[in-house]
Every structure is written in C-alpha cells, then in structure tokens.
Amino acid sequence: LKYSIYKTIIPRNVRLAEAPSHGLPINLYDKRSSGAEAYHLLAE
C-alpha cells in the first residue's frame, strides 16, 4: 500500500467489544483497557 498507515494499531480487545452493549465509548467503559489506550493514541 502506497498510502500512509497510522502508527497506532487497534488490538482485538474484549472490553472494546463489550462497550457498545453498555451504550458507552471505550474511554468511559474501561479507560485502562488496551482498546481505550489505542484509540487515545489514534486521536492524538
């Protein structure tokens, strides 16, 4: 792929999969999870 690739990689994460069923984004559902950390880095 000749296009840019984000340095951040989003992991397969149980808490990330659970969050929508609770109606919450991951940074409120479990801010210490690897999924929350990854999306913080992506936002940065």
PDB file of all heavy atoms in Angstrom:
ATOM      1  N   LEU A   1       0.844  -1.198   0.000  1.00  0.00           N
ATOM      2  CA  LEU A   1       0.000   0.000   0.000  1.00  0.00           C
ATOM      3  C   LEU A   1       0.877   1.245   0.000  1.00  0.00           C
ATOM      4  O   LEU A   1       1.753   1.402   0.842  1.00  0.00           O
ATOM      5  CB  LEU A   1      -0.905  -0.007   1.251  1.00  0.00           C
ATOM      6  CG  LEU A   1      -2.182   0.818   1.180  1.00  0.00           C
ATOM      7  CD1 LEU A   1      -3.119   0.264   0.106  1.00  0.00           C
ATOM      8  CD2 LEU A   1      -2.896   0.808   2.531  1.00  0.00           C
ATOM      9  N   LYS A   2       0.619   2.115  -0.948  1.00  0.00           N
ATOM     10  CA  LYS A   2       1.456   3.311  -1.055  1.00  0.00           C
ATOM     11  C   LYS A   2       0.926   4.465  -0.194  1.00  0.00           C
ATOM     12  O   LYS A   2       1.526   5.534  -0.152  1.00  0.00           O
ATOM     13  CB  LYS A   2       1.545   3.759  -2.515  1.00  0.00           C
ATOM     14  CG  LYS A   2       0.214   4.150  -3.138  1.00  0.00           C
ATOM     15  CD  LYS A   2       0.400   4.552  -4.591  1.00  0.00           C
ATOM     16  CE  LYS A   2      -0.939   4.918  -5.229  1.00  0.00           C
ATOM     17  NZ  LYS A   2      -0.807   5.296  -6.648  1.00  0.00           N
ATOM     18  N   TYR A   3      -0.209   4.228   0.476  1.00  0.00           N
ATOM     19  CA  TYR A   3      -0.796   5.283   1.297  1.00  0.00           C
ATOM     20  C   TYR A   3      -0.275   5.213   2.728  1.00  0.00           C
ATOM     21  O   TYR A   3       0.212   4.182   3.175  1.00  0.00           O
ATOM     22  CB  TYR A   3      -2.333   5.174   1.276  1.00  0.00           C
ATOM     23  CG  TYR A   3      -2.882   5.369  -0.110  1.00  0.00           C
ATOM     24  CD1 TYR A   3      -3.186   4.272  -0.911  1.00  0.00           C
ATOM     25  CD2 TYR A   3      -3.063   6.639  -0.642  1.00  0.00           C
ATOM     26  CE1 TYR A   3      -3.668   4.434  -2.198  1.00  0.00           C
ATOM     27  CE2 TYR A   3      -3.546   6.815  -1.929  1.00  0.00           C
ATOM     28  CZ  TYR A   3      -3.846   5.711  -2.700  1.00  0.00           C
ATOM     29  OH  TYR A   3      -4.303   5.886  -3.964  1.00  0.00           O
ATOM     30  N   SER A   4      -0.413   6.320   3.444  1.00  0.00           N
ATOM     31  CA  SER A   4       0.110   6.373   4.806  1.00  0.00           C
ATOM     32  C   SER A   4      -0.667   5.447   5.733  1.00  0.00           C
ATOM     33  O   SER A   4      -1.870   5.236   5.562  1.00  0.00           O
ATOM     34  CB  SER A   4       0.068   7.806   5.339  1.00  0.00           C
ATOM     35  OG  SER A   4      -1.257   8.292   5.344  1.00  0.00           O
ATOM     36  N   ILE A   5       0.034   4.898   6.692  1.00  0.00           N
ATOM     37  CA  ILE A   5      -0.551   3.965   7.658  1.00  0.00           C
ATOM     38  C   ILE A   5      -0.318   4.536   9.055  1.00  0.00           C
ATOM     39  O   ILE A   5       0.787   4.956   9.393  1.00  0.00           O
ATOM     40  CB  ILE A   5       0.095   2.573   7.529  1.00  0.00           C
ATOM     41  CG1 ILE A   5      -0.226   1.980   6.142  1.00  0.00           C
ATOM     42  CG2 ILE A   5      -0.381   1.637   8.629  1.00  0.00           C
ATOM     43  CD1 ILE A   5       0.512   0.698   5.821  1.00  0.00           C
ATOM     44  N   TYR A   6      -1.380   4.575   9.849  1.00  0.00           N
ATOM     45  CA  TYR A   6      -1.241   5.089  11.213  1.00  0.00           C
ATOM     46  C   TYR A   6      -0.310   4.195  12.023  1.00  0.00           C
ATOM     47  O   TYR A   6      -0.322   2.972  11.878  1.00  0.00           O
ATOM     48  CB  TYR A   6      -2.610   5.140  11.908  1.00  0.00           C
ATOM     49  CG  TYR A   6      -3.496   6.256  11.412  1.00  0.00           C
ATOM     50  CD1 TYR A   6      -4.532   6.008  10.520  1.00  0.00           C
ATOM     51  CD2 TYR A   6      -3.304   7.575  11.843  1.00  0.00           C
ATOM     52  CE1 TYR A   6      -5.343   7.032  10.061  1.00  0.00           C
ATOM     53  CE2 TYR A   6      -4.121   8.598  11.390  1.00  0.00           C
ATOM     54  CZ  TYR A   6      -5.128   8.320  10.499  1.00  0.00           C
ATOM     55  OH  TYR A   6      -5.925   9.339  10.044  1.00  0.00           O
ATOM     56  N   LYS A   7       0.465   4.838  12.858  1.00  0.00           N
ATOM     57  CA  LYS A   7       1.359   4.069  13.750  1.00  0.00           C
ATOM     58  C   LYS A   7       0.541   3.258  14.758  1.00  0.00           C
ATOM     59  O   LYS A   7       0.924   2.163  15.146  1.00  0.00           O
ATOM     60  CB  LYS A   7       2.306   5.033  14.489  1.00  0.00           C
ATOM     61  CG  LYS A   7       3.294   5.742  13.585  1.00  0.00           C
ATOM     62  CD  LYS A   7       4.364   6.482  14.376  1.00  0.00           C
ATOM     63  CE  LYS A   7       3.810   7.690  15.113  1.00  0.00           C
ATOM     64  NZ  LYS A   7       3.498   8.810  14.176  1.00  0.00           N
ATOM     65  N   THR A   8      -0.592   3.818  15.172  1.00  0.00           N
ATOM     66  CA  THR A   8      -1.445   3.136  16.146  1.00  0.00           C
ATOM     67  C   THR A   8      -2.130   1.936  15.511  1.00  0.00           C
ATOM     68  O   THR A   8      -2.696   2.026  14.420  1.00  0.00           O
ATOM     69  CB  THR A   8      -2.527   4.101  16.678  1.00  0.00           C
ATOM     70  OG1 THR A   8      -1.898   5.250  17.240  1.00  0.00           O
ATOM     71  CG2 THR A   8      -3.392   3.417  17.726  1.00  0.00           C
ATOM     72  N   ILE A   9      -2.093   0.802  16.204  1.00  0.00           N
ATOM     73  CA  ILE A   9      -2.796  -0.410  15.783  1.00  0.00           C
ATOM     74  C   ILE A   9      -3.823  -0.750  16.865  1.00  0.00           C
ATOM     75  O   ILE A   9      -3.503  -0.786  18.052  1.00  0.00           O
ATOM     76  CB  ILE A   9      -1.807  -1.575  15.578  1.00  0.00           C
ATOM     77  CG1 ILE A   9      -0.864  -1.265  14.399  1.00  0.00           C
ATOM     78  CG2 ILE A   9      -2.553  -2.877  15.336  1.00  0.00           C
ATOM     79  CD1 ILE A   9       0.190  -2.327  14.149  1.00  0.00           C
ATOM     80  N   ILE A  10      -5.073  -0.958  16.438  1.00  0.00           N
ATOM     81  CA  ILE A  10      -6.153  -1.241  17.395  1.00  0.00           C
ATOM     82  C   ILE A  10      -6.179  -2.742  17.694  1.00  0.00           C
ATOM     83  O   ILE A  10      -6.348  -3.558  16.783  1.00  0.00           O
ATOM     84  CB  ILE A  10      -7.526  -0.797  16.832  1.00  0.00           C
ATOM     85  CG1 ILE A  10      -7.470   0.650  16.322  1.00  0.00           C
ATOM     86  CG2 ILE A  10      -8.603  -0.978  17.900  1.00  0.00           C
ATOM     87  CD1 ILE A  10      -7.084   1.690  17.339  1.00  0.00           C
ATOM     88  N   PRO A  11      -6.013  -3.137  18.945  1.00  0.00           N
ATOM     89  CA  PRO A  11      -5.955  -4.571  19.265  1.00  0.00           C
ATOM     90  C   PRO A  11      -7.339  -5.213  19.312  1.00  0.00           C
ATOM     91  O   PRO A  11      -8.355  -4.530  19.448  1.00  0.00           O
ATOM     92  CB  PRO A  11      -5.338  -4.561  20.667  1.00  0.00           C
ATOM     93  CG  PRO A  11      -5.840  -3.283  21.278  1.00  0.00           C
ATOM     94  CD  PRO A  11      -5.870  -2.283  20.150  1.00  0.00           C
ATOM     95  N   ARG A  12      -7.347  -6.518  19.166  1.00  0.00           N
ATOM     96  CA  ARG A  12      -8.571  -7.273  19.465  1.00  0.00           C
ATOM     97  C   ARG A  12      -8.707  -7.283  20.984  1.00  0.00           C
ATOM     98  O   ARG A  12      -7.818  -7.747  21.687  1.00  0.00           O
ATOM     99  CB  ARG A  12      -8.464  -8.700  18.925  1.00  0.00           C
ATOM    100  CG  ARG A  12      -9.760  -9.487  19.003  1.00  0.00           C
ATOM    101  CD  ARG A  12      -9.597 -10.855  18.364  1.00  0.00           C
ATOM    102  NE  ARG A  12      -9.445 -10.798  16.932  1.00  0.00           N
ATOM    103  CZ  ARG A  12     -10.449 -10.676  16.063  1.00  0.00           C
ATOM    104  NH1 ARG A  12     -11.698 -10.607  16.510  1.00  0.00           N
ATOM    105  NH2 ARG A  12     -10.217 -10.644  14.767  1.00  0.00           N
ATOM    106  N   ASN A  13      -9.822  -6.735  21.495  1.00  0.00           N
ATOM    107  CA  ASN A  13      -9.930  -6.474  22.922  1.00  0.00           C
ATOM    108  C   ASN A  13     -11.362  -6.733  23.397  1.00  0.00           C
ATOM    109  O   ASN A  13     -12.315  -6.189  22.834  1.00  0.00           O
ATOM    110  CB  ASN A  13      -9.521  -5.012  23.182  1.00  0.00           C
ATOM    111  CG  ASN A  13      -9.635  -4.594  24.629  1.00  0.00           C
ATOM    112  OD1 ASN A  13     -10.397  -3.700  24.951  1.00  0.00           O
ATOM    113  ND2 ASN A  13      -8.894  -5.219  25.523  1.00  0.00           N
ATOM    114  N   VAL A  14     -11.504  -7.572  24.412  1.00  0.00           N
ATOM    115  CA  VAL A  14     -12.836  -7.945  24.897  1.00  0.00           C
ATOM    116  C   VAL A  14     -13.606  -6.725  25.381  1.00  0.00           C
ATOM    117  O   VAL A  14     -14.795  -6.559  25.081  1.00  0.00           O
ATOM    118  CB  VAL A  14     -12.720  -8.990  26.039  1.00  0.00           C
ATOM    119  CG1 VAL A  14     -14.089  -9.242  26.664  1.00  0.00           C
ATOM    120  CG2 VAL A  14     -12.137 -10.290  25.507  1.00  0.00           C
ATOM    121  N   ARG A  15     -12.953  -5.840  26.106  1.00  0.00           N
ATOM    122  CA  ARG A  15     -13.630  -4.653  26.641  1.00  0.00           C
ATOM    123  C   ARG A  15     -14.133  -3.737  25.525  1.00  0.00           C
ATOM    124  O   ARG A  15     -15.188  -3.122  25.624  1.00  0.00           O
ATOM    125  CB  ARG A  15     -12.692  -3.880  27.571  1.00  0.00           C
ATOM    126  CG  ARG A  15     -12.118  -4.704  28.708  1.00  0.00           C
ATOM    127  CD  ARG A  15     -13.181  -5.223  29.643  1.00  0.00           C
ATOM    128  NE  ARG A  15     -13.520  -4.254  30.685  1.00  0.00           N
ATOM    129  CZ  ARG A  15     -14.534  -4.384  31.538  1.00  0.00           C
ATOM    130  NH1 ARG A  15     -15.330  -5.443  31.445  1.00  0.00           N
ATOM    131  NH2 ARG A  15     -14.770  -3.484  32.460  1.00  0.00           N
ATOM    132  N   LEU A  16     -13.376  -3.691  24.456  1.00  0.00           N
ATOM    133  CA  LEU A  16     -13.766  -2.901  23.284  1.00  0.00           C
ATOM    134  C   LEU A  16     -15.030  -3.476  22.653  1.00  0.00           C
ATOM    135  O   LEU A  16     -15.923  -2.738  22.228  1.00  0.00           O
ATOM    136  CB  LEU A  16     -12.615  -2.915  22.271  1.00  0.00           C
ATOM    137  CG  LEU A  16     -12.471  -1.815  21.230  1.00  0.00           C
ATOM    138  CD1 LEU A  16     -12.535  -0.434  21.848  1.00  0.00           C
ATOM    139  CD2 LEU A  16     -11.162  -1.994  20.483  1.00  0.00           C
ATOM    140  N   ALA A  17     -15.121  -4.792  22.623  1.00  0.00           N
ATOM    141  CA  ALA A  17     -16.298  -5.460  22.065  1.00  0.00           C
ATOM    142  C   ALA A  17     -17.519  -5.314  22.969  1.00  0.00           C
ATOM    143  O   ALA A  17     -18.654  -5.266  22.491  1.00  0.00           O
ATOM    144  CB  ALA A  17     -15.986  -6.937  21.836  1.00  0.00           C
ATOM    145  N   GLU A  18     -17.285  -5.251  24.278  1.00  0.00           N
ATOM    146  CA  GLU A  18     -18.394  -5.141  25.240  1.00  0.00           C
ATOM    147  C   GLU A  18     -18.998  -3.741  25.301  1.00  0.00           C
ATOM    148  O   GLU A  18     -20.195  -3.588  25.548  1.00  0.00           O
ATOM    149  CB  GLU A  18     -17.890  -5.492  26.647  1.00  0.00           C
ATOM    150  CG  GLU A  18     -17.541  -6.943  26.858  1.00  0.00           C
ATOM    151  CD  GLU A  18     -16.886  -7.174  28.218  1.00  0.00           C
ATOM    152  OE1 GLU A  18     -16.545  -6.191  28.918  1.00  0.00           O
ATOM    153  OE2 GLU A  18     -16.709  -8.347  28.575  1.00  0.00           O
ATOM    154  N   ALA A  19     -18.197  -2.720  25.087  1.00  0.00           N
ATOM    155  CA  ALA A  19     -18.608  -1.336  25.331  1.00  0.00           C
ATOM    156  C   ALA A  19     -19.922  -0.931  24.645  1.00  0.00           C
ATOM    157  O   ALA A  19     -20.782  -0.305  25.282  1.00  0.00           O
ATOM    158  CB  ALA A  19     -17.471  -0.386  24.952  1.00  0.00           C
ATOM    159  N   PRO A  20     -20.147  -1.266  23.344  1.00  0.00           N
ATOM    160  CA  PRO A  20     -21.389  -0.828  22.694  1.00  0.00           C
ATOM    161  C   PRO A  20     -22.654  -1.359  23.360  1.00  0.00           C
ATOM    162  O   PRO A  20     -23.687  -0.678  23.384  1.00  0.00           O
ATOM    163  CB  PRO A  20     -21.252  -1.371  21.267  1.00  0.00           C
ATOM    164  CG  PRO A  20     -19.803  -1.574  21.063  1.00  0.00           C
ATOM    165  CD  PRO A  20     -19.254  -1.957  22.394  1.00  0.00           C
ATOM    166  N   SER A  21     -22.594  -2.567  23.906  1.00  0.00           N
ATOM    167  CA  SER A  21     -23.784  -3.137  24.546  1.00  0.00           C
ATOM    168  C   SER A  21     -24.148  -2.383  25.818  1.00  0.00           C
ATOM    169  O   SER A  21     -25.269  -2.487  26.314  1.00  0.00           O
ATOM    170  CB  SER A  21     -23.568  -4.626  24.855  1.00  0.00           C
ATOM    171  OG  SER A  21     -22.540  -4.796  25.821  1.00  0.00           O
ATOM    172  N   HIS A  22     -23.205  -1.617  26.350  1.00  0.00           N
ATOM    173  CA  HIS A  22     -23.460  -0.778  27.526  1.00  0.00           C
ATOM    174  C   HIS A  22     -23.727   0.673  27.132  1.00  0.00           C
ATOM    175  O   HIS A  22     -23.917   1.530  28.002  1.00  0.00           O
ATOM    176  CB  HIS A  22     -22.266  -0.851  28.485  1.00  0.00           C
ATOM    177  CG  HIS A  22     -22.058  -2.211  29.081  1.00  0.00           C
ATOM    178  ND1 HIS A  22     -22.635  -2.614  30.271  1.00  0.00           N
ATOM    179  CD2 HIS A  22     -21.354  -3.282  28.633  1.00  0.00           C
ATOM    180  CE1 HIS A  22     -22.282  -3.860  30.538  1.00  0.00           C
ATOM    181  NE2 HIS A  22     -21.509  -4.287  29.556  1.00  0.00           N
ATOM    182  N   GLY A  23     -23.729   0.940  25.818  1.00  0.00           N
ATOM    183  CA  GLY A  23     -24.000   2.290  25.337  1.00  0.00           C
ATOM    184  C   GLY A  23     -22.926   3.288  25.708  1.00  0.00           C
ATOM    185  O   GLY A  23     -23.220   4.472  25.934  1.00  0.00           O
ATOM    186  N   LEU A  24     -21.676   2.821  25.775  1.00  0.00           N
ATOM    187  CA  LEU A  24     -20.576   3.695  26.198  1.00  0.00           C
ATOM    188  C   LEU A  24     -19.389   3.583  25.243  1.00  0.00           C
ATOM    189  O   LEU A  24     -19.085   2.494  24.757  1.00  0.00           O
ATOM    190  CB  LEU A  24     -20.092   3.306  27.600  1.00  0.00           C
ATOM    191  CG  LEU A  24     -21.043   3.555  28.781  1.00  0.00           C
ATOM    192  CD1 LEU A  24     -20.502   2.865  30.029  1.00  0.00           C
ATOM    193  CD2 LEU A  24     -21.211   5.051  29.025  1.00  0.00           C
ATOM    194  N   PRO A  25     -18.694   4.694  24.997  1.00  0.00           N
ATOM    195  CA  PRO A  25     -17.409   4.603  24.299  1.00  0.00           C
ATOM    196  C   PRO A  25     -16.385   3.967  25.228  1.00  0.00           C
ATOM    197  O   PRO A  25     -16.534   3.998  26.458  1.00  0.00           O
ATOM    198  CB  PRO A  25     -17.063   6.065  23.989  1.00  0.00           C
ATOM    199  CG  PRO A  25     -17.817   6.873  24.999  1.00  0.00           C
ATOM    200  CD  PRO A  25     -19.056   6.099  25.315  1.00  0.00           C
ATOM    201  N   ILE A  26     -15.335   3.414  24.661  1.00  0.00           N
ATOM    202  CA  ILE A  26     -14.380   2.640  25.448  1.00  0.00           C
ATOM    203  C   ILE A  26     -13.663   3.484  26.509  1.00  0.00           C
ATOM    204  O   ILE A  26     -13.340   2.991  27.586  1.00  0.00           O
ATOM    205  CB  ILE A  26     -13.354   1.928  24.526  1.00  0.00           C
ATOM    206  CG1 ILE A  26     -12.495   0.934  25.309  1.00  0.00           C
ATOM    207  CG2 ILE A  26     -12.489   2.938  23.790  1.00  0.00           C
ATOM    208  CD1 ILE A  26     -13.242  -0.192  25.981  1.00  0.00           C
ATOM    209  N   ASN A  27     -13.449   4.767  26.248  1.00  0.00           N
ATOM    210  CA  ASN A  27     -12.728   5.594  27.223  1.00  0.00           C
ATOM    211  C   ASN A  27     -13.575   5.923  28.445  1.00  0.00           C
ATOM    212  O   ASN A  27     -13.061   6.436  29.434  1.00  0.00           O
ATOM    213  CB  ASN A  27     -12.157   6.870  26.585  1.00  0.00           C
ATOM    214  CG  ASN A  27     -13.185   7.677  25.824  1.00  0.00           C
ATOM    215  OD1 ASN A  27     -14.223   7.160  25.396  1.00  0.00           O
ATOM    216  ND2 ASN A  27     -12.906   8.946  25.636  1.00  0.00           N
ATOM    217  N   LEU A  28     -14.870   5.611  28.407  1.00  0.00           N
ATOM    218  CA  LEU A  28     -15.711   5.713  29.604  1.00  0.00           C
ATOM    219  C   LEU A  28     -16.033   4.334  30.175  1.00  0.00           C
ATOM    220  O   LEU A  28     -16.205   4.179  31.376  1.00  0.00           O
ATOM    221  CB  LEU A  28     -17.011   6.458  29.292  1.00  0.00           C
ATOM    222  CG  LEU A  28     -16.870   7.961  29.025  1.00  0.00           C
ATOM    223  CD1 LEU A  28     -18.225   8.571  28.696  1.00  0.00           C
ATOM    224  CD2 LEU A  28     -16.251   8.685  30.224  1.00  0.00           C
ATOM    225  N   TYR A  29     -16.109   3.334  29.306  1.00  0.00           N
ATOM    226  CA  TYR A  29     -16.430   1.986  29.764  1.00  0.00           C
ATOM    227  C   TYR A  29     -15.262   1.362  30.527  1.00  0.00           C
ATOM    228  O   TYR A  29     -15.450   0.783  31.602  1.00  0.00           O
ATOM    229  CB  TYR A  29     -16.819   1.104  28.570  1.00  0.00           C
ATOM    230  CG  TYR A  29     -17.171  -0.304  28.943  1.00  0.00           C
ATOM    231  CD1 TYR A  29     -18.259  -0.575  29.774  1.00  0.00           C
ATOM    232  CD2 TYR A  29     -16.416  -1.375  28.473  1.00  0.00           C
ATOM    233  CE1 TYR A  29     -18.584  -1.877  30.118  1.00  0.00           C
ATOM    234  CE2 TYR A  29     -16.735  -2.677  28.806  1.00  0.00           C
ATOM    235  CZ  TYR A  29     -17.817  -2.928  29.640  1.00  0.00           C
ATOM    236  OH  TYR A  29     -18.125  -4.226  29.983  1.00  0.00           O
ATOM    237  N   ASP A  30     -14.070   1.486  29.975  1.00  0.00           N
ATOM    238  CA  ASP A  30     -12.876   0.966  30.659  1.00  0.00           C
ATOM    239  C   ASP A  30     -11.658   1.737  30.140  1.00  0.00           C
ATOM    240  O   ASP A  30     -11.000   1.309  29.183  1.00  0.00           O
ATOM    241  CB  ASP A  30     -12.717  -0.532  30.403  1.00  0.00           C
ATOM    242  CG  ASP A  30     -11.581  -1.134  31.233  1.00  0.00           C
ATOM    243  OD1 ASP A  30     -10.814  -0.366  31.856  1.00  0.00           O
ATOM    244  OD2 ASP A  30     -11.445  -2.368  31.244  1.00  0.00           O
ATOM    245  N   LYS A  31     -11.379   2.852  30.770  1.00  0.00           N
ATOM    246  CA  LYS A  31     -10.322   3.739  30.260  1.00  0.00           C
ATOM    247  C   LYS A  31      -8.926   3.143  30.402  1.00  0.00           C
ATOM    248  O   LYS A  31      -7.976   3.638  29.797  1.00  0.00           O
ATOM    249  CB  LYS A  31     -10.382   5.101  30.955  1.00  0.00           C
ATOM    250  CG  LYS A  31     -10.106   5.070  32.451  1.00  0.00           C
ATOM    251  CD  LYS A  31     -10.236   6.471  33.034  1.00  0.00           C
ATOM    252  CE  LYS A  31      -9.965   6.489  34.535  1.00  0.00           C
ATOM    253  NZ  LYS A  31     -10.126   7.843  35.094  1.00  0.00           N
ATOM    254  N   ARG A  32      -8.792   2.069  31.205  1.00  0.00           N
ATOM    255  CA  ARG A  32      -7.470   1.447  31.364  1.00  0.00           C
ATOM    256  C   ARG A  32      -7.250   0.284  30.384  1.00  0.00           C
ATOM    257  O   ARG A  32      -6.176  -0.316  30.382  1.00  0.00           O
ATOM    258  CB  ARG A  32      -7.292   0.937  32.798  1.00  0.00           C
ATOM    259  CG  ARG A  32      -7.268   2.048  33.842  1.00  0.00           C
ATOM    260  CD  ARG A  32      -6.978   1.488  35.233  1.00  0.00           C
ATOM    261  NE  ARG A  32      -7.073   2.500  36.254  1.00  0.00           N
ATOM    262  CZ  ARG A  32      -8.199   2.847  36.864  1.00  0.00           C
ATOM    263  NH1 ARG A  32      -9.333   2.229  36.532  1.00  0.00           N
ATOM    264  NH2 ARG A  32      -8.227   3.786  37.782  1.00  0.00           N
ATOM    265  N   SER A  33      -8.249  -0.038  29.595  1.00  0.00           N
ATOM    266  CA  SER A  33      -8.120  -1.169  28.671  1.00  0.00           C
ATOM    267  C   SER A  33      -7.169  -0.833  27.535  1.00  0.00           C
ATOM    268  O   SER A  33      -6.919   0.336  27.216  1.00  0.00           O
ATOM    269  CB  SER A  33      -9.496  -1.536  28.098  1.00  0.00           C
ATOM    270  OG  SER A  33      -9.968  -0.491  27.259  1.00  0.00           O
ATOM    271  N   SER A  34      -6.657  -1.869  26.892  1.00  0.00           N
ATOM    272  CA  SER A  34      -5.751  -1.652  25.760  1.00  0.00           C
ATOM    273  C   SER A  34      -6.478  -0.975  24.600  1.00  0.00           C
ATOM    274  O   SER A  34      -5.879  -0.204  23.844  1.00  0.00           O
ATOM    275  CB  SER A  34      -5.144  -2.982  25.305  1.00  0.00           C
ATOM    276  OG  SER A  34      -6.159  -3.891  24.892  1.00  0.00           O
ATOM    277  N   GLY A  35      -7.791  -1.242  24.474  1.00  0.00           N
ATOM    278  CA  GLY A  35      -8.586  -0.593  23.423  1.00  0.00           C
ATOM    279  C   GLY A  35      -8.689   0.909  23.634  1.00  0.00           C
ATOM    280  O   GLY A  35      -8.552   1.687  22.688  1.00  0.00           O
ATOM    281  N   ALA A  36      -8.915   1.328  24.883  1.00  0.00           N
ATOM    282  CA  ALA A  36      -9.004   2.755  25.195  1.00  0.00           C
ATOM    283  C   ALA A  36      -7.670   3.444  24.933  1.00  0.00           C
ATOM    284  O   ALA A  36      -7.619   4.543  24.360  1.00  0.00           O
ATOM    285  CB  ALA A  36      -9.432   2.945  26.649  1.00  0.00           C
ATOM    286  N   GLU A  37      -6.594   2.797  25.348  1.00  0.00           N
ATOM    287  CA  GLU A  37      -5.259   3.374  25.131  1.00  0.00           C
ATOM    288  C   GLU A  37      -4.972   3.534  23.633  1.00  0.00           C
ATOM    289  O   GLU A  37      -4.428   4.556  23.198  1.00  0.00           O
ATOM    290  CB  GLU A  37      -4.190   2.476  25.771  1.00  0.00           C
ATOM    291  CG  GLU A  37      -4.222   2.493  27.303  1.00  0.00           C
ATOM    292  CD  GLU A  37      -3.272   1.469  27.915  1.00  0.00           C
ATOM    293  OE1 GLU A  37      -2.494   0.857  27.144  1.00  0.00           O
ATOM    294  OE2 GLU A  37      -3.318   1.278  29.140  1.00  0.00           O
ATOM    295  N   ALA A  38      -5.378   2.548  22.839  1.00  0.00           N
ATOM    296  CA  ALA A  38      -5.123   2.591  21.394  1.00  0.00           C
ATOM    297  C   ALA A  38      -5.902   3.733  20.736  1.00  0.00           C
ATOM    298  O   ALA A  38      -5.349   4.473  19.906  1.00  0.00           O
ATOM    299  CB  ALA A  38      -5.493   1.251  20.754  1.00  0.00           C
ATOM    300  N   TYR A  39      -7.176   3.890  21.104  1.00  0.00           N
ATOM    301  CA  TYR A  39      -7.964   4.958  20.475  1.00  0.00           C
ATOM    302  C   TYR A  39      -7.518   6.344  20.931  1.00  0.00           C
ATOM    303  O   TYR A  39      -7.619   7.309  20.168  1.00  0.00           O
ATOM    304  CB  TYR A  39      -9.464   4.729  20.681  1.00  0.00           C
ATOM    305  CG  TYR A  39     -10.014   3.780  19.642  1.00  0.00           C
ATOM    306  CD1 TYR A  39     -10.431   2.491  19.983  1.00  0.00           C
ATOM    307  CD2 TYR A  39     -10.073   4.162  18.305  1.00  0.00           C
ATOM    308  CE1 TYR A  39     -10.903   1.618  19.011  1.00  0.00           C
ATOM    309  CE2 TYR A  39     -10.542   3.286  17.339  1.00  0.00           C
ATOM    310  CZ  TYR A  39     -10.952   2.031  17.688  1.00  0.00           C
ATOM    311  OH  TYR A  39     -11.404   1.159  16.710  1.00  0.00           O
ATOM    312  N   HIS A  40      -6.993   6.452  22.139  1.00  0.00           N
ATOM    313  CA  HIS A  40      -6.381   7.715  22.568  1.00  0.00           C
ATOM    314  C   HIS A  40      -5.194   8.058  21.676  1.00  0.00           C
ATOM    315  O   HIS A  40      -5.037   9.213  21.246  1.00  0.00           O
ATOM    316  CB  HIS A  40      -5.928   7.627  24.032  1.00  0.00           C
ATOM    317  CG  HIS A  40      -6.930   8.164  25.004  1.00  0.00           C
ATOM    318  ND1 HIS A  40      -7.233   9.501  25.098  1.00  0.00           N
ATOM    319  CD2 HIS A  40      -7.725   7.536  25.920  1.00  0.00           C
ATOM    320  CE1 HIS A  40      -8.157   9.681  26.022  1.00  0.00           C
ATOM    321  NE2 HIS A  40      -8.483   8.505  26.534  1.00  0.00           N
ATOM    322  N   LEU A  41      -4.364   7.061  21.410  1.00  0.00           N
ATOM    323  CA  LEU A  41      -3.193   7.288  20.559  1.00  0.00           C
ATOM    324  C   LEU A  41      -3.606   7.640  19.130  1.00  0.00           C
ATOM    325  O   LEU A  41      -2.998   8.508  18.491  1.00  0.00           O
ATOM    326  CB  LEU A  41      -2.301   6.039  20.557  1.00  0.00           C
ATOM    327  CG  LEU A  41      -1.573   5.733  21.876  1.00  0.00           C
ATOM    328  CD1 LEU A  41      -0.906   4.357  21.800  1.00  0.00           C
ATOM    329  CD2 LEU A  41      -0.534   6.809  22.192  1.00  0.00           C
ATOM    330  N   LEU A  42      -4.655   6.974  18.631  1.00  0.00           N
ATOM    331  CA  LEU A  42      -5.145   7.279  17.292  1.00  0.00           C
ATOM    332  C   LEU A  42      -5.667   8.714  17.229  1.00  0.00           C
ATOM    333  O   LEU A  42      -5.396   9.439  16.259  1.00  0.00           O
ATOM    334  CB  LEU A  42      -6.247   6.294  16.886  1.00  0.00           C
ATOM    335  CG  LEU A  42      -6.824   6.496  15.481  1.00  0.00           C
ATOM    336  CD1 LEU A  42      -5.745   6.306  14.410  1.00  0.00           C
ATOM    337  CD2 LEU A  42      -8.001   5.542  15.240  1.00  0.00           C
ATOM    338  N   ALA A  43      -6.401   9.132  18.263  1.00  0.00           N
ATOM    339  CA  ALA A  43      -6.912  10.509  18.309  1.00  0.00           C
ATOM    340  C   ALA A  43      -5.761  11.518  18.296  1.00  0.00           C
ATOM    341  O   ALA A  43      -5.836  12.554  17.626  1.00  0.00           O
ATOM    342  CB  ALA A  43      -7.787  10.702  19.547  1.00  0.00           C
ATOM    343  N   GLU A  44      -4.708  11.204  19.022  1.00  0.00           N
ATOM    344  CA  GLU A  44      -3.531  12.090  19.031  1.00  0.00           C
ATOM    345  C   GLU A  44      -2.924  12.200  17.634  1.00  0.00           C
ATOM    346  O   GLU A  44      -2.523  13.293  17.205  1.00  0.00           O
ATOM    347  CB  GLU A  44      -2.493  11.574  20.030  1.00  0.00           C
ATOM    348  CG  GLU A  44      -2.885  11.797  21.485  1.00  0.00           C
ATOM    349  CD  GLU A  44      -1.902  11.159  22.459  1.00  0.00           C
ATOM    350  OE1 GLU A  44      -0.909  10.544  21.999  1.00  0.00           O
ATOM    351  OE2 GLU A  44      -2.124  11.277  23.681  1.00  0.00           O
TER     352      GLU A  44
END
